[in-house]
């Protein structure tokens, strides 16, 4: 029986946050709050904030609204990088 394939974990040291993750990290650093504190304000788990900051997951529409309301960052700013990478039809 072959050994199970292990998924390679992304190292946060190897990559810089981008897009939404970059803005969340900057906001937290500027306001001196932890992932857990931001998670509580947004009604999500700390691991969710971590996943967003590392670019593993992206927030859904309701979470984007909550992020914008809490941080004051316009939604368009949060998603601009994604918009620029998406081909127009």
N, C-alpha and C. Protein backbone atom coordinates (compact mmCIF):
# COMPACT_ATOMS: atom_id res chain seq x y z
N UNK A 1 0.85 -1.18 0.00
CA UNK A 1 0.00 0.00 0.00
C UNK A 1 0.89 1.24 0.00
N UNK A 2 0.68 2.16 -0.96
CA UNK A 2 1.53 3.36 -1.02
C UNK A 2 1.26 4.29 0.15
N UNK A 3 2.30 5.03 0.49
CA UNK A 3 2.17 6.01 1.58
C UNK A 3 1.27 7.15 1.14
N UNK A 4 0.47 7.70 2.06
CA UNK A 4 -0.40 8.83 1.69
C UNK A 4 0.43 10.04 1.28
N UNK A 5 -0.10 10.79 0.35
CA UNK A 5 0.57 12.00 -0.11
C UNK A 5 0.30 13.12 0.88
N UNK A 6 1.36 13.74 1.33
CA UNK A 6 1.21 14.86 2.26
C UNK A 6 1.13 16.16 1.48
N UNK A 7 0.20 17.00 1.88
CA UNK A 7 0.08 18.31 1.26
C UNK A 7 1.19 19.20 1.77
N UNK A 8 1.79 19.95 0.87
CA UNK A 8 2.82 20.88 1.26
C UNK A 8 2.17 22.11 1.85
N UNK A 9 2.56 22.47 3.05
CA UNK A 9 2.01 23.66 3.70
C UNK A 9 2.74 24.88 3.19
N UNK A 10 1.96 25.93 2.95
CA UNK A 10 2.56 27.19 2.53
C UNK A 10 3.21 27.85 3.72
N UNK A 11 4.39 28.30 3.53
CA UNK A 11 5.10 29.00 4.59
C UNK A 11 4.79 30.49 4.51
N UNK A 12 4.36 31.06 5.62
CA UNK A 12 4.06 32.49 5.62
C UNK A 12 5.35 33.30 5.48
N UNK A 13 6.48 32.70 5.82
CA UNK A 13 7.75 33.40 5.68
C UNK A 13 8.14 33.53 4.21
N UNK A 14 7.67 32.61 3.37
CA UNK A 14 8.04 32.60 1.96
C UNK A 14 7.18 33.52 1.11
N UNK A 15 6.04 33.92 1.59
CA UNK A 15 5.15 34.72 0.76
C UNK A 15 4.64 35.93 1.53
N UNK A 16 4.44 36.99 0.79
CA UNK A 16 3.88 38.20 1.38
C UNK A 16 2.38 38.18 1.19
N UNK A 17 1.63 38.65 2.17
CA UNK A 17 0.18 38.69 1.99
C UNK A 17 -0.17 39.62 0.84
N UNK A 18 -1.26 39.31 0.17
CA UNK A 18 -1.71 40.17 -0.91
C UNK A 18 -3.22 40.30 -0.83
N UNK A 19 -3.75 41.25 -1.58
CA UNK A 19 -5.19 41.42 -1.63
C UNK A 19 -5.80 41.66 -0.26
N UNK A 20 -6.88 40.97 -0.01
CA UNK A 20 -7.63 41.13 1.24
C UNK A 20 -6.75 40.84 2.45
N UNK A 21 -5.95 39.80 2.36
CA UNK A 21 -5.07 39.43 3.46
C UNK A 21 -4.12 40.54 3.85
N UNK A 22 -3.59 41.23 2.84
CA UNK A 22 -2.67 42.34 3.08
C UNK A 22 -3.37 43.45 3.87
N UNK A 23 -4.59 43.77 3.46
CA UNK A 23 -5.33 44.83 4.14
C UNK A 23 -5.71 44.44 5.57
N UNK A 24 -6.09 43.19 5.77
CA UNK A 24 -6.43 42.74 7.12
C UNK A 24 -5.21 42.79 8.04
N UNK A 25 -4.08 42.32 7.54
CA UNK A 25 -2.85 42.33 8.34
C UNK A 25 -2.44 43.77 8.67
N UNK A 26 -2.47 44.65 7.67
CA UNK A 26 -2.13 46.05 7.91
C UNK A 26 -3.07 46.68 8.94
N UNK A 27 -4.37 46.40 8.81
CA UNK A 27 -5.34 46.95 9.75
C UNK A 27 -5.04 46.47 11.17
N UNK A 28 -4.80 45.17 11.31
CA UNK A 28 -4.52 44.64 12.65
C UNK A 28 -3.27 45.24 13.25
N UNK A 29 -2.21 45.37 12.43
CA UNK A 29 -0.96 45.94 12.93
C UNK A 29 -1.13 47.41 13.32
N UNK A 30 -1.85 48.18 12.51
CA UNK A 30 -2.06 49.60 12.80
C UNK A 30 -2.90 49.81 14.06
N UNK A 31 -3.81 48.87 14.33
CA UNK A 31 -4.70 49.02 15.49
C UNK A 31 -4.29 48.16 16.68
N UNK A 32 -3.20 47.43 16.52
CA UNK A 32 -2.67 46.63 17.63
C UNK A 32 -3.61 45.56 18.13
N UNK A 33 -4.32 44.90 17.20
CA UNK A 33 -5.23 43.83 17.62
C UNK A 33 -4.79 42.49 17.05
N UNK A 34 -5.17 41.44 17.73
CA UNK A 34 -4.81 40.09 17.31
C UNK A 34 -5.82 39.54 16.30
N UNK A 35 -5.44 38.43 15.70
CA UNK A 35 -6.38 37.75 14.80
C UNK A 35 -7.64 37.37 15.57
N UNK A 36 -7.48 36.91 16.79
CA UNK A 36 -8.63 36.48 17.60
C UNK A 36 -9.57 37.66 17.88
N UNK A 37 -9.00 38.82 18.16
CA UNK A 37 -9.83 40.00 18.42
C UNK A 37 -10.60 40.44 17.17
N UNK A 38 -9.92 40.43 16.03
CA UNK A 38 -10.60 40.80 14.79
C UNK A 38 -11.66 39.76 14.45
N UNK A 39 -11.34 38.50 14.66
CA UNK A 39 -12.30 37.43 14.39
C UNK A 39 -13.57 37.62 15.21
N UNK A 40 -13.41 37.97 16.48
CA UNK A 40 -14.58 38.18 17.33
C UNK A 40 -15.44 39.34 16.81
N UNK A 41 -14.79 40.41 16.38
CA UNK A 41 -15.53 41.57 15.85
C UNK A 41 -16.29 41.22 14.57
N UNK A 42 -15.72 40.30 13.77
CA UNK A 42 -16.33 39.94 12.49
C UNK A 42 -17.25 38.73 12.59
N UNK A 43 -17.25 38.07 13.75
CA UNK A 43 -18.11 36.91 13.94
C UNK A 43 -17.62 35.65 13.22
N UNK A 44 -16.27 35.52 13.14
CA UNK A 44 -15.68 34.34 12.52
C UNK A 44 -14.63 33.76 13.48
N UNK A 45 -14.05 32.64 13.10
CA UNK A 45 -13.00 32.02 13.92
C UNK A 45 -11.65 32.65 13.61
N UNK A 46 -10.74 32.56 14.57
CA UNK A 46 -9.38 33.08 14.38
C UNK A 46 -8.71 32.39 13.21
N UNK A 47 -8.96 31.10 13.03
CA UNK A 47 -8.34 30.37 11.92
C UNK A 47 -8.82 30.89 10.57
N UNK A 48 -10.03 31.44 10.54
CA UNK A 48 -10.55 32.03 9.31
C UNK A 48 -9.76 33.28 8.96
N UNK A 49 -9.51 34.13 9.96
CA UNK A 49 -8.70 35.34 9.73
C UNK A 49 -7.32 34.93 9.22
N UNK A 50 -6.73 33.93 9.84
CA UNK A 50 -5.42 33.44 9.41
C UNK A 50 -5.44 32.98 7.96
N UNK A 51 -6.47 32.23 7.59
CA UNK A 51 -6.60 31.74 6.21
C UNK A 51 -6.77 32.89 5.22
N UNK A 52 -7.53 33.89 5.59
CA UNK A 52 -7.70 35.06 4.72
C UNK A 52 -6.39 35.81 4.56
N UNK A 53 -5.68 36.01 5.67
CA UNK A 53 -4.42 36.76 5.62
C UNK A 53 -3.37 36.03 4.79
N UNK A 54 -3.37 34.73 4.83
CA UNK A 54 -2.38 33.95 4.08
C UNK A 54 -2.82 33.66 2.65
N UNK A 55 -4.02 34.09 2.29
CA UNK A 55 -4.49 33.89 0.93
C UNK A 55 -4.95 32.48 0.62
N UNK A 56 -5.20 31.69 1.66
CA UNK A 56 -5.66 30.32 1.48
C UNK A 56 -7.14 30.30 1.14
N UNK A 57 -7.88 31.20 1.78
CA UNK A 57 -9.32 31.34 1.54
C UNK A 57 -9.63 32.81 1.31
N UNK A 58 -10.77 33.06 0.71
CA UNK A 58 -11.24 34.45 0.55
C UNK A 58 -12.61 34.57 1.21
N UNK A 59 -12.87 35.72 1.79
CA UNK A 59 -14.17 35.90 2.45
C UNK A 59 -15.31 35.96 1.44
N UNK A 60 -16.47 35.50 1.88
CA UNK A 60 -17.68 35.60 1.07
C UNK A 60 -18.24 37.01 1.13
N UNK A 61 -19.35 37.22 0.46
CA UNK A 61 -19.91 38.56 0.35
C UNK A 61 -20.32 39.16 1.70
N UNK A 62 -20.93 38.36 2.55
CA UNK A 62 -21.34 38.87 3.87
C UNK A 62 -20.11 39.23 4.70
N UNK A 63 -19.11 38.39 4.67
CA UNK A 63 -17.88 38.68 5.41
C UNK A 63 -17.19 39.93 4.86
N UNK A 64 -17.21 40.11 3.53
CA UNK A 64 -16.63 41.32 2.95
C UNK A 64 -17.34 42.57 3.47
N UNK A 65 -18.65 42.50 3.57
CA UNK A 65 -19.40 43.63 4.11
C UNK A 65 -19.00 43.90 5.57
N UNK A 66 -18.88 42.85 6.34
CA UNK A 66 -18.49 43.01 7.75
C UNK A 66 -17.08 43.58 7.87
N UNK A 67 -16.17 43.07 7.03
CA UNK A 67 -14.78 43.57 7.05
C UNK A 67 -14.77 45.06 6.72
N UNK A 68 -15.48 45.44 5.68
CA UNK A 68 -15.53 46.84 5.28
C UNK A 68 -16.14 47.71 6.38
N UNK A 69 -17.23 47.25 6.96
CA UNK A 69 -17.87 48.01 8.05
C UNK A 69 -16.94 48.17 9.25
N UNK A 70 -16.24 47.11 9.62
CA UNK A 70 -15.38 47.14 10.81
C UNK A 70 -14.10 47.94 10.57
N UNK A 71 -13.50 47.79 9.40
CA UNK A 71 -12.20 48.40 9.15
C UNK A 71 -12.28 49.76 8.47
N UNK A 72 -13.41 50.03 7.83
CA UNK A 72 -13.52 51.27 7.07
C UNK A 72 -12.87 51.19 5.70
N UNK A 73 -12.40 50.02 5.32
CA UNK A 73 -11.78 49.82 4.01
C UNK A 73 -12.90 49.54 3.01
N UNK A 74 -12.99 50.33 1.94
CA UNK A 74 -14.04 50.09 0.95
C UNK A 74 -13.93 48.70 0.33
N UNK A 75 -15.07 48.09 0.04
CA UNK A 75 -15.07 46.76 -0.56
C UNK A 75 -14.28 46.74 -1.86
N UNK A 76 -14.44 47.78 -2.66
CA UNK A 76 -13.71 47.82 -3.93
C UNK A 76 -12.20 47.73 -3.69
N UNK A 77 -11.71 48.40 -2.67
CA UNK A 77 -10.28 48.33 -2.34
C UNK A 77 -9.90 46.90 -1.95
N UNK A 78 -10.74 46.26 -1.15
CA UNK A 78 -10.45 44.91 -0.70
C UNK A 78 -10.34 43.92 -1.86
N UNK A 79 -11.17 44.11 -2.88
CA UNK A 79 -11.22 43.13 -3.98
C UNK A 79 -10.52 43.61 -5.25
N UNK A 80 -9.94 44.80 -5.23
CA UNK A 80 -9.34 45.39 -6.43
C UNK A 80 -8.31 44.47 -7.09
N UNK A 81 -7.42 43.89 -6.30
CA UNK A 81 -6.39 43.02 -6.87
C UNK A 81 -7.00 41.83 -7.60
N UNK A 82 -8.04 41.26 -7.03
CA UNK A 82 -8.73 40.13 -7.66
C UNK A 82 -9.41 40.59 -8.95
N UNK A 83 -10.01 41.77 -8.93
CA UNK A 83 -10.66 42.31 -10.13
C UNK A 83 -9.66 42.52 -11.26
N UNK A 84 -8.49 43.02 -10.91
CA UNK A 84 -7.47 43.29 -11.93
C UNK A 84 -6.94 42.00 -12.55
N UNK A 85 -6.93 40.91 -11.81
CA UNK A 85 -6.42 39.63 -12.32
C UNK A 85 -7.46 38.85 -13.11
N UNK A 86 -8.73 39.19 -12.94
CA UNK A 86 -9.81 38.47 -13.62
C UNK A 86 -9.98 38.99 -15.04
N UNK A 87 -10.07 38.07 -16.02
CA UNK A 87 -10.27 38.54 -17.40
C UNK A 87 -11.69 39.08 -17.56
N UNK A 88 -11.80 40.14 -18.32
CA UNK A 88 -13.12 40.71 -18.62
C UNK A 88 -13.75 39.95 -19.76
N UNK A 89 -15.06 39.83 -19.70
CA UNK A 89 -15.77 39.12 -20.77
C UNK A 89 -16.44 40.09 -21.70
